[in-house]
């Protein structure tokens, strides 16, 4: 299992780095991911896309991805966008 820690803001500047890291880990054959979002207080649509893209790849591989330590303000964004139903989230 691989754990990835996200930055305070997942936006147009930081999301490409997160997306690249997710692709790197998944490309190496990892199918069990834990995403620690303890520091994250903001996420943009680019960040949301990175998570959904990774989730689709993990689903195809029969693995799992869990977002942990999700702050209420971020959880609300996942819920409003409908991604709470696609992603496994532990607050």
PDB file of N, CA and C in Angstrom:
ATOM      1  N   UNK A   1       0.848  -1.178   0.000  1.00  0.00           N
ATOM      2  CA  UNK A   1       0.000   0.000   0.000  1.00  0.00           C
ATOM      3  C   UNK A   1       0.893   1.239   0.000  1.00  0.00           C
ATOM      4  N   UNK A   2       0.497   2.213  -0.791  1.00  0.00           N
ATOM      5  CA  UNK A   2       1.228   3.473  -0.883  1.00  0.00           C
ATOM      6  C   UNK A   2       0.397   4.583  -0.272  1.00  0.00           C
ATOM      7  N   UNK A   3       1.054   5.459   0.492  1.00  0.00           N
ATOM      8  CA  UNK A   3       0.369   6.624   1.051  1.00  0.00           C
ATOM      9  C   UNK A   3       0.936   7.885   0.407  1.00  0.00           C
ATOM     10  N   UNK A   4       0.042   8.749  -0.007  1.00  0.00           N
ATOM     11  CA  UNK A   4       0.413  10.029  -0.606  1.00  0.00           C
ATOM     12  C   UNK A   4      -0.198  11.128   0.242  1.00  0.00           C
ATOM     13  N   UNK A   5       0.601  12.121   0.591  1.00  0.00           N
ATOM     14  CA  UNK A   5       0.105  13.277   1.362  1.00  0.00           C
ATOM     15  C   UNK A   5      -0.121  14.432   0.393  1.00  0.00           C
ATOM     16  N   UNK A   6      -1.260  15.056   0.513  1.00  0.00           N
ATOM     17  CA  UNK A   6      -1.572  16.181  -0.363  1.00  0.00           C
ATOM     18  C   UNK A   6      -1.121  17.493   0.278  1.00  0.00           C
ATOM     19  N   UNK A   7      -1.003  18.515  -0.553  1.00  0.00           N
ATOM     20  CA  UNK A   7      -0.577  19.828  -0.089  1.00  0.00           C
ATOM     21  C   UNK A   7      -1.767  20.613   0.457  1.00  0.00           C
ATOM     22  N   UNK A   8      -1.484  21.788   1.013  1.00  0.00           N
ATOM     23  CA  UNK A   8      -2.529  22.630   1.596  1.00  0.00           C
ATOM     24  C   UNK A   8      -3.575  23.012   0.547  1.00  0.00           C
ATOM     25  N   UNK A   9      -3.109  23.388  -0.631  1.00  0.00           N
ATOM     26  CA  UNK A   9      -4.009  23.715  -1.740  1.00  0.00           C
ATOM     27  C   UNK A   9      -3.741  22.762  -2.893  1.00  0.00           C
ATOM     28  N   UNK A  10      -4.823  22.206  -3.430  1.00  0.00           N
ATOM     29  CA  UNK A  10      -4.723  21.402  -4.648  1.00  0.00           C
ATOM     30  C   UNK A  10      -5.401  22.229  -5.724  1.00  0.00           C
ATOM     31  N   UNK A  11      -4.587  22.965  -6.467  1.00  0.00           N
ATOM     32  CA  UNK A  11      -5.108  23.894  -7.466  1.00  0.00           C
ATOM     33  C   UNK A  11      -4.324  23.736  -8.771  1.00  0.00           C
ATOM     34  N   UNK A  12      -4.458  24.700  -9.642  1.00  0.00           N
ATOM     35  CA  UNK A  12      -3.791  24.650 -10.936  1.00  0.00           C
ATOM     36  C   UNK A  12      -2.281  24.554 -10.850  1.00  0.00           C
ATOM     37  N   UNK A  13      -1.710  25.005  -9.749  1.00  0.00           N
ATOM     38  CA  UNK A  13      -0.259  24.941  -9.570  1.00  0.00           C
ATOM     39  C   UNK A  13       0.192  23.596  -8.991  1.00  0.00           C
ATOM     40  N   UNK A  14      -0.572  23.034  -8.072  1.00  0.00           N
ATOM     41  CA  UNK A  14      -0.143  21.814  -7.380  1.00  0.00           C
ATOM     42  C   UNK A  14      -0.792  20.535  -7.902  1.00  0.00           C
ATOM     43  N   UNK A  15      -1.954  20.640  -8.515  1.00  0.00           N
ATOM     44  CA  UNK A  15      -2.661  19.451  -9.003  1.00  0.00           C
ATOM     45  C   UNK A  15      -1.862  18.668 -10.045  1.00  0.00           C
ATOM     46  N   UNK A  16      -1.144  19.326 -10.977  1.00  0.00           N
ATOM     47  CA  UNK A  16      -0.361  18.542 -11.930  1.00  0.00           C
ATOM     48  C   UNK A  16       0.700  17.665 -11.253  1.00  0.00           C
ATOM     49  N   UNK A  17       1.282  18.163 -10.166  1.00  0.00           N
ATOM     50  CA  UNK A  17       2.271  17.374  -9.417  1.00  0.00           C
ATOM     51  C   UNK A  17       1.591  16.165  -8.776  1.00  0.00           C
ATOM     52  N   UNK A  18       0.413  16.382  -8.187  1.00  0.00           N
ATOM     53  CA  UNK A  18      -0.345  15.281  -7.586  1.00  0.00           C
ATOM     54  C   UNK A  18      -0.743  14.268  -8.655  1.00  0.00           C
ATOM     55  N   UNK A  19      -1.242  14.747  -9.774  1.00  0.00           N
ATOM     56  CA  UNK A  19      -1.647  13.872 -10.870  1.00  0.00           C
ATOM     57  C   UNK A  19      -0.463  13.034 -11.363  1.00  0.00           C
ATOM     58  N   UNK A  20       0.686  13.659 -11.505  1.00  0.00           N
ATOM     59  CA  UNK A  20       1.886  12.939 -11.957  1.00  0.00           C
ATOM     60  C   UNK A  20       2.286  11.871 -10.945  1.00  0.00           C
ATOM     61  N   UNK A  21       2.202  12.200  -9.660  1.00  0.00           N
ATOM     62  CA  UNK A  21       2.555  11.229  -8.612  1.00  0.00           C
ATOM     63  C   UNK A  21       1.590  10.053  -8.619  1.00  0.00           C
ATOM     64  N   UNK A  22       0.297  10.332  -8.756  1.00  0.00           N
ATOM     65  CA  UNK A  22      -0.690   9.261  -8.825  1.00  0.00           C
ATOM     66  C   UNK A  22      -0.434   8.363 -10.028  1.00  0.00           C
ATOM     67  N   UNK A  23      -0.170   8.957 -11.175  1.00  0.00           N
ATOM     68  CA  UNK A  23       0.111   8.172 -12.385  1.00  0.00           C
ATOM     69  C   UNK A  23       1.375   7.342 -12.228  1.00  0.00           C
ATOM     70  N   UNK A  24       2.385   7.917 -11.583  1.00  0.00           N
ATOM     71  CA  UNK A  24       3.645   7.204 -11.350  1.00  0.00           C
ATOM     72  C   UNK A  24       3.405   5.957 -10.487  1.00  0.00           C
ATOM     73  N   UNK A  25       2.688   6.133  -9.395  1.00  0.00           N
ATOM     74  CA  UNK A  25       2.421   5.026  -8.475  1.00  0.00           C
ATOM     75  C   UNK A  25       1.566   3.956  -9.151  1.00  0.00           C
ATOM     76  N   UNK A  26       0.517   4.384  -9.840  1.00  0.00           N
ATOM     77  CA  UNK A  26      -0.359   3.429 -10.523  1.00  0.00           C
ATOM     78  C   UNK A  26       0.372   2.743 -11.674  1.00  0.00           C
ATOM     79  N   UNK A  27       1.222   3.485 -12.378  1.00  0.00           N
ATOM     80  CA  UNK A  27       2.003   2.912 -13.475  1.00  0.00           C
ATOM     81  C   UNK A  27       2.987   1.855 -13.003  1.00  0.00           C
ATOM     82  N   UNK A  28       3.405   1.955 -11.741  1.00  0.00           N
ATOM     83  CA  UNK A  28       4.326   0.977 -11.156  1.00  0.00           C
ATOM     84  C   UNK A  28       3.585  -0.271 -10.672  1.00  0.00           C
ATOM     85  N   UNK A  29       2.270  -0.279 -10.847  1.00  0.00           N
ATOM     86  CA  UNK A  29       1.482  -1.455 -10.497  1.00  0.00           C
ATOM     87  C   UNK A  29       0.814  -1.421  -9.137  1.00  0.00           C
ATOM     88  N   UNK A  30       0.935  -0.322  -8.418  1.00  0.00           N
ATOM     89  CA  UNK A  30       0.281  -0.210  -7.111  1.00  0.00           C
ATOM     90  C   UNK A  30      -1.227  -0.086  -7.304  1.00  0.00           C
ATOM     91  N   UNK A  31      -1.989  -0.835  -6.517  1.00  0.00           N
ATOM     92  CA  UNK A  31      -3.447  -0.773  -6.634  1.00  0.00           C
ATOM     93  C   UNK A  31      -4.124  -0.460  -5.301  1.00  0.00           C
ATOM     94  N   UNK A  32      -3.335  -0.244  -4.265  1.00  0.00           N
ATOM     95  CA  UNK A  32      -3.873   0.097  -2.951  1.00  0.00           C
ATOM     96  C   UNK A  32      -3.267   1.434  -2.520  1.00  0.00           C
ATOM     97  N   UNK A  33      -4.079   2.492  -2.534  1.00  0.00           N
ATOM     98  CA  UNK A  33      -3.604   3.829  -2.199  1.00  0.00           C
ATOM     99  C   UNK A  33      -4.356   4.416  -1.017  1.00  0.00           C
ATOM    100  N   UNK A  34      -3.612   5.137  -0.197  1.00  0.00           N
ATOM    101  CA  UNK A  34      -4.202   5.962   0.851  1.00  0.00           C
ATOM    102  C   UNK A  34      -3.745   7.380   0.578  1.00  0.00           C
ATOM    103  N   UNK A  35      -4.695   8.290   0.478  1.00  0.00           N
ATOM    104  CA  UNK A  35      -4.395   9.694   0.235  1.00  0.00           C
ATOM    105  C   UNK A  35      -4.675  10.458   1.520  1.00  0.00           C
ATOM    106  N   UNK A  36      -3.617  10.960   2.153  1.00  0.00           N
ATOM    107  CA  UNK A  36      -3.758  11.697   3.409  1.00  0.00           C
ATOM    108  C   UNK A  36      -3.951  13.178   3.084  1.00  0.00           C
ATOM    109  N   UNK A  37      -5.154  13.679   3.355  1.00  0.00           N
ATOM    110  CA  UNK A  37      -5.511  15.056   3.027  1.00  0.00           C
ATOM    111  C   UNK A  37      -5.567  15.952   4.262  1.00  0.00           C
ATOM    112  N   UNK A  38      -4.852  15.585   5.309  1.00  0.00           N
ATOM    113  CA  UNK A  38      -4.904  16.325   6.573  1.00  0.00           C
ATOM    114  C   UNK A  38      -4.580  17.805   6.416  1.00  0.00           C
ATOM    115  N   UNK A  39      -3.646  18.143   5.535  1.00  0.00           N
ATOM    116  CA  UNK A  39      -3.225  19.533   5.356  1.00  0.00           C
ATOM    117  C   UNK A  39      -4.099  20.314   4.371  1.00  0.00           C
ATOM    118  N   UNK A  40      -4.889  19.617   3.581  1.00  0.00           N
ATOM    119  CA  UNK A  40      -5.606  20.253   2.477  1.00  0.00           C
ATOM    120  C   UNK A  40      -6.825  21.044   2.951  1.00  0.00           C
ATOM    121  N   UNK A  41      -6.849  22.319   2.545  1.00  0.00           N
ATOM    122  CA  UNK A  41      -7.981  23.187   2.879  1.00  0.00           C
ATOM    123  C   UNK A  41      -8.673  23.750   1.638  1.00  0.00           C
ATOM    124  N   UNK A  42      -8.134  23.428   0.453  1.00  0.00           N
ATOM    125  CA  UNK A  42      -8.722  23.928  -0.794  1.00  0.00           C
ATOM    126  C   UNK A  42      -8.450  22.924  -1.894  1.00  0.00           C
ATOM    127  N   UNK A  43      -9.452  22.683  -2.729  1.00  0.00           N
ATOM    128  CA  UNK A  43      -9.269  21.828  -3.904  1.00  0.00           C
ATOM    129  C   UNK A  43     -10.045  22.429  -5.073  1.00  0.00           C
ATOM    130  N   UNK A  44      -9.391  22.508  -6.224  1.00  0.00           N
ATOM    131  CA  UNK A  44     -10.034  23.035  -7.427  1.00  0.00           C
ATOM    132  C   UNK A  44     -10.519  21.880  -8.301  1.00  0.00           C
ATOM    133  N   UNK A  45     -11.143  22.218  -9.394  1.00  0.00           N
ATOM    134  CA  UNK A  45     -11.642  21.196 -10.319  1.00  0.00           C
ATOM    135  C   UNK A  45     -10.499  20.360 -10.902  1.00  0.00           C
ATOM    136  N   UNK A  46      -9.333  20.952 -11.046  1.00  0.00           N
ATOM    137  CA  UNK A  46      -8.172  20.207 -11.564  1.00  0.00           C
ATOM    138  C   UNK A  46      -7.786  19.105 -10.568  1.00  0.00           C
ATOM    139  N   UNK A  47      -7.843  19.421  -9.288  1.00  0.00           N
ATOM    140  CA  UNK A  47      -7.555  18.425  -8.263  1.00  0.00           C
ATOM    141  C   UNK A  47      -8.602  17.328  -8.226  1.00  0.00           C
ATOM    142  N   UNK A  48      -9.849  17.713  -8.380  1.00  0.00           N
ATOM    143  CA  UNK A  48     -10.927  16.725  -8.418  1.00  0.00           C
ATOM    144  C   UNK A  48     -10.720  15.747  -9.576  1.00  0.00           C
ATOM    145  N   UNK A  49     -10.345  16.277 -10.727  1.00  0.00           N
ATOM    146  CA  UNK A  49     -10.111  15.423 -11.901  1.00  0.00           C
ATOM    147  C   UNK A  49      -8.981  14.430 -11.648  1.00  0.00           C
ATOM    148  N   UNK A  50      -7.932  14.857 -10.953  1.00  0.00           N
ATOM    149  CA  UNK A  50      -6.808  13.961 -10.669  1.00  0.00           C
ATOM    150  C   UNK A  50      -7.276  12.761  -9.843  1.00  0.00           C
ATOM    151  N   UNK A  51      -8.115  13.020  -8.832  1.00  0.00           N
ATOM    152  CA  UNK A  51      -8.611  11.932  -8.000  1.00  0.00           C
ATOM    153  C   UNK A  51      -9.543  10.996  -8.767  1.00  0.00           C
ATOM    154  N   UNK A  52     -10.439  11.560  -9.555  1.00  0.00           N
ATOM    155  CA  UNK A  52     -11.380  10.728 -10.314  1.00  0.00           C
ATOM    156  C   UNK A  52     -10.647   9.886 -11.348  1.00  0.00           C
ATOM    157  N   UNK A  53      -9.657  10.467 -12.007  1.00  0.00           N
ATOM    158  CA  UNK A  53      -8.864   9.720 -12.988  1.00  0.00           C
ATOM    159  C   UNK A  53      -8.154   8.548 -12.314  1.00  0.00           C
ATOM    160  N   UNK A  54      -7.540   8.799 -11.170  1.00  0.00           N
ATOM    161  CA  UNK A  54      -6.857   7.729 -10.433  1.00  0.00           C
ATOM    162  C   UNK A  54      -7.848   6.662  -9.984  1.00  0.00           C
ATOM    163  N   UNK A  55      -9.022   7.096  -9.512  1.00  0.00           N
ATOM    164  CA  UNK A  55     -10.032   6.142  -9.038  1.00  0.00           C
ATOM    165  C   UNK A  55     -10.477   5.219 -10.171  1.00  0.00           C
ATOM    166  N   UNK A  56     -10.657   5.757 -11.361  1.00  0.00           N
ATOM    167  CA  UNK A  56     -11.060   4.933 -12.510  1.00  0.00           C
ATOM    168  C   UNK A  56     -10.006   3.872 -12.809  1.00  0.00           C
ATOM    169  N   UNK A  57      -8.737   4.245 -12.772  1.00  0.00           N
ATOM    170  CA  UNK A  57      -7.655   3.286 -13.039  1.00  0.00           C
ATOM    171  C   UNK A  57      -7.598   2.211 -11.953  1.00  0.00           C
ATOM    172  N   UNK A  58      -7.787   2.616 -10.714  1.00  0.00           N
ATOM    173  CA  UNK A  58      -7.756   1.658  -9.615  1.00  0.00           C
ATOM    174  C   UNK A  58      -8.945   0.705  -9.697  1.00  0.00           C
ATOM    175  N   UNK A  59     -10.107   1.219 -10.069  1.00  0.00           N
ATOM    176  CA  UNK A  59     -11.287   0.359 -10.221  1.00  0.00           C
ATOM    177  C   UNK A  59     -11.035  -0.712 -11.276  1.00  0.00           C
ATOM    178  N   UNK A  60     -10.424  -0.330 -12.390  1.00  0.00           N
ATOM    179  CA  UNK A  60     -10.122  -1.296 -13.462  1.00  0.00           C
ATOM    180  C   UNK A  60      -9.165  -2.371 -12.985  1.00  0.00           C
ATOM    181  N   UNK A  61      -8.249  -1.991 -12.069  1.00  0.00           N
ATOM    182  CA  UNK A  61      -7.252  -2.930 -11.566  1.00  0.00           C
ATOM    183  C   UNK A  61      -7.767  -3.746 -10.373  1.00  0.00           C
ATOM    184  N   UNK A  62      -8.983  -3.435  -9.908  1.00  0.00           N
ATOM    185  CA  UNK A  62      -9.552  -4.161  -8.785  1.00  0.00           C
ATOM    186  C   UNK A  62      -8.969  -3.753  -7.442  1.00  0.00           C
ATOM    187  N   UNK A  63      -8.407  -2.561  -7.374  1.00  0.00           N
ATOM    188  CA  UNK A  63      -7.787  -2.088  -6.135  1.00  0.00           C
ATOM    189  C   UNK A  63      -8.678  -1.126  -5.379  1.00  0.00           C
ATOM    190  N   UNK A  64      -8.043  -0.350  -4.489  1.00  0.00           N
ATOM    191  CA  UNK A  64      -8.808   0.621  -3.722  1.00  0.00           C
ATOM    192  C   UNK A  64      -7.974   1.864  -3.437  1.00  0.00           C
ATOM    193  N   UNK A  65      -8.677   2.988  -3.325  1.00  0.00           N
ATOM    194  CA  UNK A  65      -8.067   4.261  -2.956  1.00  0.00           C
ATOM    195  C   UNK A  65      -8.957   4.881  -1.887  1.00  0.00           C
ATOM    196  N   UNK A  66      -8.344   5.246  -0.772  1.00  0.00           N
ATOM    197  CA  UNK A  66      -9.079   5.836   0.340  1.00  0.00           C
ATOM    198  C   UNK A  66      -8.496   7.202   0.641  1.00  0.00           C
ATOM    199  N   UNK A  67      -9.358   8.212   0.714  1.00  0.00           N
ATOM    200  CA  UNK A  67      -8.950   9.561   1.109  1.00  0.00           C
ATOM    201  C   UNK A  67      -9.204   9.679   2.601  1.00  0.00           C
ATOM    202  N   UNK A  68      -8.139   9.981   3.367  1.00  0.00           N
ATOM    203  CA  UNK A  68      -8.271  10.057   4.816  1.00  0.00           C
ATOM    204  C   UNK A  68      -8.005  11.476   5.322  1.00  0.00           C
ATOM    205  N   UNK A  69      -8.481  11.746   6.534  1.00  0.00           N
ATOM    206  CA  UNK A  69      -8.298  13.050   7.189  1.00  0.00           C
ATOM    207  C   UNK A  69      -8.838  14.198   6.334  1.00  0.00           C
ATOM    208  N   UNK A  70      -9.983  13.977   5.728  1.00  0.00           N
ATOM    209  CA  UNK A  70     -10.598  14.976   4.860  1.00  0.00           C
ATOM    210  C   UNK A  70     -11.346  15.992   5.720  1.00  0.00           C
ATOM    211  N   UNK A  71     -10.972  17.240   5.597  1.00  0.00           N
ATOM    212  CA  UNK A  71     -11.601  18.316   6.374  1.00  0.00           C
ATOM    213  C   UNK A  71     -13.042  18.536   5.891  1.00  0.00           C
ATOM    214  N   UNK A  72     -13.916  19.017   6.768  1.00  0.00           N
ATOM    215  CA  UNK A  72     -15.317  19.247   6.388  1.00  0.00           C
ATOM    216  C   UNK A  72     -15.478  20.145   5.154  1.00  0.00           C
ATOM    217  N   UNK A  73     -14.641  21.174   5.015  1.00  0.00           N
ATOM    218  CA  UNK A  73     -14.775  22.067   3.851  1.00  0.00           C
ATOM    219  C   UNK A  73     -14.463  21.340   2.541  1.00  0.00           C
ATOM    220  N   UNK A  74     -13.558  20.371   2.585  1.00  0.00           N
ATOM    221  CA  UNK A  74     -13.224  19.590   1.388  1.00  0.00           C
ATOM    222  C   UNK A  74     -14.290  18.526   1.155  1.00  0.00           C
ATOM    223  N   UNK A  75     -14.756  17.906   2.226  1.00  0.00           N
ATOM    224  CA  UNK A  75     -15.814  16.909   2.111  1.00  0.00           C
ATOM    225  C   UNK A  75     -17.055  17.523   1.472  1.00  0.00           C
ATOM    226  N   UNK A  76     -17.365  18.758   1.838  1.00  0.00           N
ATOM    227  CA  UNK A  76     -18.521  19.445   1.266  1.00  0.00           C
ATOM    228  C   UNK A  76     -18.355  19.602  -0.257  1.00  0.00           C
ATOM    229  N   UNK A  77     -17.158  19.907  -0.708  1.00  0.00           N
ATOM    230  CA  UNK A  77     -16.905  20.036  -2.153  1.00  0.00           C
ATOM    231  C   UNK A  77     -17.113  18.689  -2.839  1.00  0.00           C
ATOM    232  N   UNK A  78     -16.606  17.614  -2.234  1.00  0.00           N
ATOM    233  CA  UNK A  78     -16.813  16.277  -2.805  1.00  0.00           C
ATOM    234  C   UNK A  78     -18.305  15.954  -2.873  1.00  0.00           C
ATOM    235  N   UNK A  79     -19.056  16.328  -1.854  1.00  0.00           N
ATOM    236  CA  UNK A  79     -20.495  16.039  -1.830  1.00  0.00           C
ATOM    237  C   UNK A  79     -21.254  16.862  -2.865  1.00  0.00           C
ATOM    238  N   UNK A  80     -20.971  18.149  -2.947  1.00  0.00           N
ATOM    239  CA  UNK A  80     -21.673  19.028  -3.883  1.00  0.00           C
ATOM    240  C   UNK A  80     -21.411  18.621  -5.335  1.00  0.00           C
ATOM    241  N   UNK A  81     -20.189  18.191  -5.623  1.00  0.00           N
ATOM    242  CA  UNK A  81     -19.834  17.803  -6.993  1.00  0.00           C
ATOM    243  C   UNK A  81     -20.269  16.382  -7.342  1.00  0.00           C
ATOM    244  N   UNK A  82     -20.710  15.624  -6.334  1.00  0.00           N
ATOM    245  CA  UNK A  82     -21.119  14.244  -6.578  1.00  0.00           C
ATOM    246  C   UNK A  82     -19.977  13.250  -6.488  1.00  0.00           C
ATOM    247  N   UNK A  83     -18.766  13.719  -6.224  1.00  0.00           N
ATOM    248  CA  UNK A  83     -17.609  12.829  -6.165  1.00  0.00           C
ATOM    249  C   UNK A  83     -17.581  12.006  -4.881  1.00  0.00           C
ATOM    250  N   UNK A  84     -18.353  12.410  -3.877  1.00  0.00           N
ATOM    251  CA  UNK A  84     -18.411  11.636  -2.631  1.00  0.00           C
ATOM    252  C   UNK A  84     -18.978  10.238  -2.900  1.00  0.00           C
ATOM    253  N   UNK A  85     -19.774  10.108  -3.936  1.00  0.00           N
ATOM    254  CA  UNK A  85     -20.316   8.814  -4.299  1.00  0.00           C
ATOM    255  C   UNK A  85     -19.383   7.958  -5.123  1.00  0.00           C
ATOM    256  N   UNK A  86     -18.314   8.555  -5.623  1.00  0.00           N
ATOM    257  CA  UNK A  86     -17.352   7.860  -6.474  1.00  0.00           C
ATOM    258  C   UNK A  86     -16.090   7.490  -5.689  1.00  0.00           C
ATOM    259  N   UNK A  87     -15.710   8.352  -4.753  1.00  0.00           N
ATOM    260  CA  UNK A  87     -14.483   8.174  -3.979  1.00  0.00           C
ATOM    261  C   UNK A  87     -14.788   7.602  -2.599  1.00  0.00           C
ATOM    262  N   UNK A  88     -13.838   6.871  -2.050  1.00  0.00           N
ATOM    263  CA  UNK A  88     -13.962   6.366  -0.683  1.00  0.00           C
ATOM    264  C   UNK A  88     -13.299   7.406   0.216  1.00  0.00           C
ATOM    265  N   UNK A  89     -14.097   8.001   1.101  1.00  0.00           N
ATOM    266  CA  UNK A  89     -13.611   9.131   1.909  1.00  0.00           C
ATOM    267  C   UNK A  89     -13.828   8.840   3.384  1.00  0.00           C
ATOM    268  N   UNK A  90     -12.762   9.051   4.152  1.00  0.00           N
ATOM    269  CA  UNK A  90     -12.838   8.968   5.609  1.00  0.00           C
ATOM    270  C   UNK A  90     -12.433  10.329   6.150  1.00  0.00           C
ATOM    271  N   UNK A  91     -13.331  10.988   6.886  1.00  0.00           N
ATOM    272  CA  UNK A  91     -13.012  12.336   7.385  1.00  0.00           C
ATOM    273  C   UNK A  91     -12.206  12.278   8.669  1.00  0.00           C
TER     274      UNK A  91
END
